Amino acid sequence: MQDGPTAEKYTELGDRRAGLGEFDEAIRHYHKALKARPGSAGLYIKLAAACRGKAESGKKEFYRLEADALRKAVKAEPFNEEAHGKLLL
């Protein structure tokens, strides 16, 4: 039996917060999801999107965090086209 929320639950919470534009909370939930499921390219891509949202709201340093998350996604899945494409933007 599992104690506490799962990676899926944290991902769902992150998605919900990101959809509301609450990027700090989304980032926090995606980090928790990554602790439960390390090395998930999909989660790193979601984290990158939340970081971009935060950057676009005026916190420019989050662009670097977005790129870091995308590089981790590529490292986790070297042939992930979505991560590669977003890194090129």
C-alpha atoms as a PDB file:
ATOM      1  CA  MET A   1       0.000   0.000   0.000  1.00  0.00           C
ATOM      2  CA  GLN A   2       1.329   3.414  -0.957  1.00  0.00           C
ATOM      3  CA  ASP A   3       1.619   6.273   1.516  1.00  0.00           C
ATOM      4  CA  GLY A   4       0.860   9.768   0.261  1.00  0.00           C
ATOM      5  CA  PRO A   5       0.179  11.097  -3.213  1.00  0.00           C
ATOM      6  CA  THR A   6       1.617   9.409  -6.281  1.00  0.00           C
ATOM      7  CA  ALA A   7       3.485  10.948  -9.196  1.00  0.00           C
ATOM      8  CA  GLU A   8       0.227  10.884 -11.141  1.00  0.00           C
ATOM      9  CA  LYS A   9      -1.599  12.816  -8.427  1.00  0.00           C
ATOM     10  CA  TYR A  10       1.158  15.432  -8.197  1.00  0.00           C
ATOM     11  CA  THR A  11       1.155  15.708 -11.988  1.00  0.00           C
ATOM     12  CA  GLU A  12      -2.599  16.211 -11.997  1.00  0.00           C
ATOM     13  CA  LEU A  13      -2.280  18.911  -9.331  1.00  0.00           C
ATOM     14  CA  GLY A  14       0.503  20.577 -11.319  1.00  0.00           C
ATOM     15  CA  ASP A  15      -1.556  20.496 -14.490  1.00  0.00           C
ATOM     16  CA  ARG A  16      -4.522  22.022 -12.705  1.00  0.00           C
ATOM     17  CA  ARG A  17      -2.419  24.831 -11.196  1.00  0.00           C
ATOM     18  CA  ALA A  18      -0.661  25.530 -14.492  1.00  0.00           C
ATOM     19  CA  GLY A  19      -4.047  25.766 -16.190  1.00  0.00           C
ATOM     20  CA  LEU A  20      -5.035  28.417 -13.657  1.00  0.00           C
ATOM     21  CA  GLY A  21      -1.811  30.337 -14.250  1.00  0.00           C
ATOM     22  CA  GLU A  22      -0.539  29.465 -10.758  1.00  0.00           C
ATOM     23  CA  PHE A  23       2.944  28.595 -11.969  1.00  0.00           C
ATOM     24  CA  ASP A  24       4.708  28.591  -8.586  1.00  0.00           C
ATOM     25  CA  GLU A  25       2.323  25.911  -7.344  1.00  0.00           C
ATOM     26  CA  ALA A  26       2.537  23.997 -10.616  1.00  0.00           C
ATOM     27  CA  ILE A  27       6.334  23.976 -10.416  1.00  0.00           C
ATOM     28  CA  ARG A  28       6.184  22.747  -6.815  1.00  0.00           C
ATOM     29  CA  HIS A  29       3.851  19.877  -7.741  1.00  0.00           C
ATOM     30  CA  TYR A  30       5.929  18.869 -10.777  1.00  0.00           C
ATOM     31  CA  HIS A  31       9.051  18.749  -8.598  1.00  0.00           C
ATOM     32  CA  LYS A  32       7.219  16.435  -6.194  1.00  0.00           C
ATOM     33  CA  ALA A  33       6.077  14.268  -9.100  1.00  0.00           C
ATOM     34  CA  LEU A  34       9.678  14.042 -10.322  1.00  0.00           C
ATOM     35  CA  LYS A  35      10.791  12.869  -6.877  1.00  0.00           C
ATOM     36  CA  ALA A  36       8.235  10.070  -7.137  1.00  0.00           C
ATOM     37  CA  ARG A  37       9.078   9.320 -10.800  1.00  0.00           C
ATOM     38  CA  PRO A  38      12.609  10.532 -11.529  1.00  0.00           C
ATOM     39  CA  GLY A  39      13.773  10.699 -15.099  1.00  0.00           C
ATOM     40  CA  SER A  40      10.350  11.252 -16.658  1.00  0.00           C
ATOM     41  CA  ALA A  41      10.804  13.265 -19.845  1.00  0.00           C
ATOM     42  CA  GLY A  42       7.107  14.104 -19.897  1.00  0.00           C
ATOM     43  CA  LEU A  43       7.274  15.593 -16.410  1.00  0.00           C
ATOM     44  CA  TYR A  44      10.351  17.615 -17.293  1.00  0.00           C
ATOM     45  CA  ILE A  45       8.484  19.008 -20.304  1.00  0.00           C
ATOM     46  CA  LYS A  46       5.543  19.987 -18.078  1.00  0.00           C
ATOM     47  CA  LEU A  47       7.959  21.587 -15.612  1.00  0.00           C
ATOM     48  CA  ALA A  48       9.569  23.506 -18.481  1.00  0.00           C
ATOM     49  CA  ALA A  49       6.172  24.803 -19.606  1.00  0.00           C
ATOM     50  CA  ALA A  50       5.373  26.008 -16.080  1.00  0.00           C
ATOM     51  CA  CYS A  51       8.776  27.711 -15.893  1.00  0.00           C
ATOM     52  CA  ARG A  52       8.073  29.431 -19.217  1.00  0.00           C
ATOM     53  CA  GLY A  53       4.731  30.647 -17.880  1.00  0.00           C
ATOM     54  CA  LYS A  54       6.490  32.059 -14.832  1.00  0.00           C
ATOM     55  CA  ALA A  55       9.147  33.695 -17.038  1.00  0.00           C
ATOM     56  CA  GLU A  56       6.510  35.283 -19.261  1.00  0.00           C
ATOM     57  CA  SER A  57       4.875  36.787 -16.170  1.00  0.00           C
ATOM     58  CA  GLY A  58       8.018  38.825 -15.554  1.00  0.00           C
ATOM     59  CA  LYS A  59      10.431  36.465 -13.789  1.00  0.00           C
ATOM     60  CA  LYS A  60      12.963  36.231 -16.636  1.00  0.00           C
ATOM     61  CA  GLU A  61      15.323  33.929 -14.678  1.00  0.00           C
ATOM     62  CA  PHE A  62      12.783  31.148 -15.185  1.00  0.00           C
ATOM     63  CA  TYR A  63      13.757  30.960 -18.875  1.00  0.00           C
ATOM     64  CA  ARG A  64      17.030  29.375 -17.713  1.00  0.00           C
ATOM     65  CA  LEU A  65      15.099  26.921 -15.532  1.00  0.00           C
ATOM     66  CA  GLU A  66      12.901  26.088 -18.509  1.00  0.00           C
ATOM     67  CA  ALA A  67      15.981  25.253 -20.597  1.00  0.00           C
ATOM     68  CA  ASP A  68      17.435  23.184 -17.734  1.00  0.00           C
ATOM     69  CA  ALA A  69      14.238  21.133 -17.513  1.00  0.00           C
ATOM     70  CA  LEU A  70      14.203  20.575 -21.282  1.00  0.00           C
ATOM     71  CA  ARG A  71      17.836  19.417 -21.239  1.00  0.00           C
ATOM     72  CA  LYS A  72      16.905  16.926 -18.502  1.00  0.00           C
ATOM     73  CA  ALA A  73      14.007  15.712 -20.654  1.00  0.00           C
ATOM     74  CA  VAL A  74      16.404  15.135 -23.564  1.00  0.00           C
ATOM     75  CA  LYS A  75      18.822  13.338 -21.272  1.00  0.00           C
ATOM     76  CA  ALA A  76      15.996  11.089 -20.029  1.00  0.00           C
ATOM     77  CA  GLU A  77      14.720  10.426 -23.572  1.00  0.00           C
ATOM     78  CA  PRO A  78      17.353  11.356 -26.173  1.00  0.00           C
ATOM     79  CA  PHE A  79      14.929  10.966 -29.086  1.00  0.00           C
ATOM     80  CA  ASN A  80      12.078  12.984 -27.580  1.00  0.00           C
ATOM     81  CA  GLU A  81      11.144  15.304 -30.446  1.00  0.00           C
ATOM     82  CA  GLU A  82       8.978  17.577 -28.310  1.00  0.00           C
ATOM     83  CA  ALA A  83      11.823  18.344 -25.899  1.00  0.00           C
ATOM     84  CA  HIS A  84      14.297  18.893 -28.740  1.00  0.00           C
ATOM     85  CA  GLY A  85      11.842  21.172 -30.547  1.00  0.00           C
ATOM     86  CA  LYS A  86      11.188  23.296 -27.465  1.00  0.00           C
ATOM     87  CA  LEU A  87      14.912  23.608 -26.787  1.00  0.00           C
ATOM     88  CA  LEU A  88      15.384  25.085 -30.259  1.00  0.00           C
ATOM     89  CA  LEU A  89      12.811  27.855 -29.660  1.00  0.00           C
END
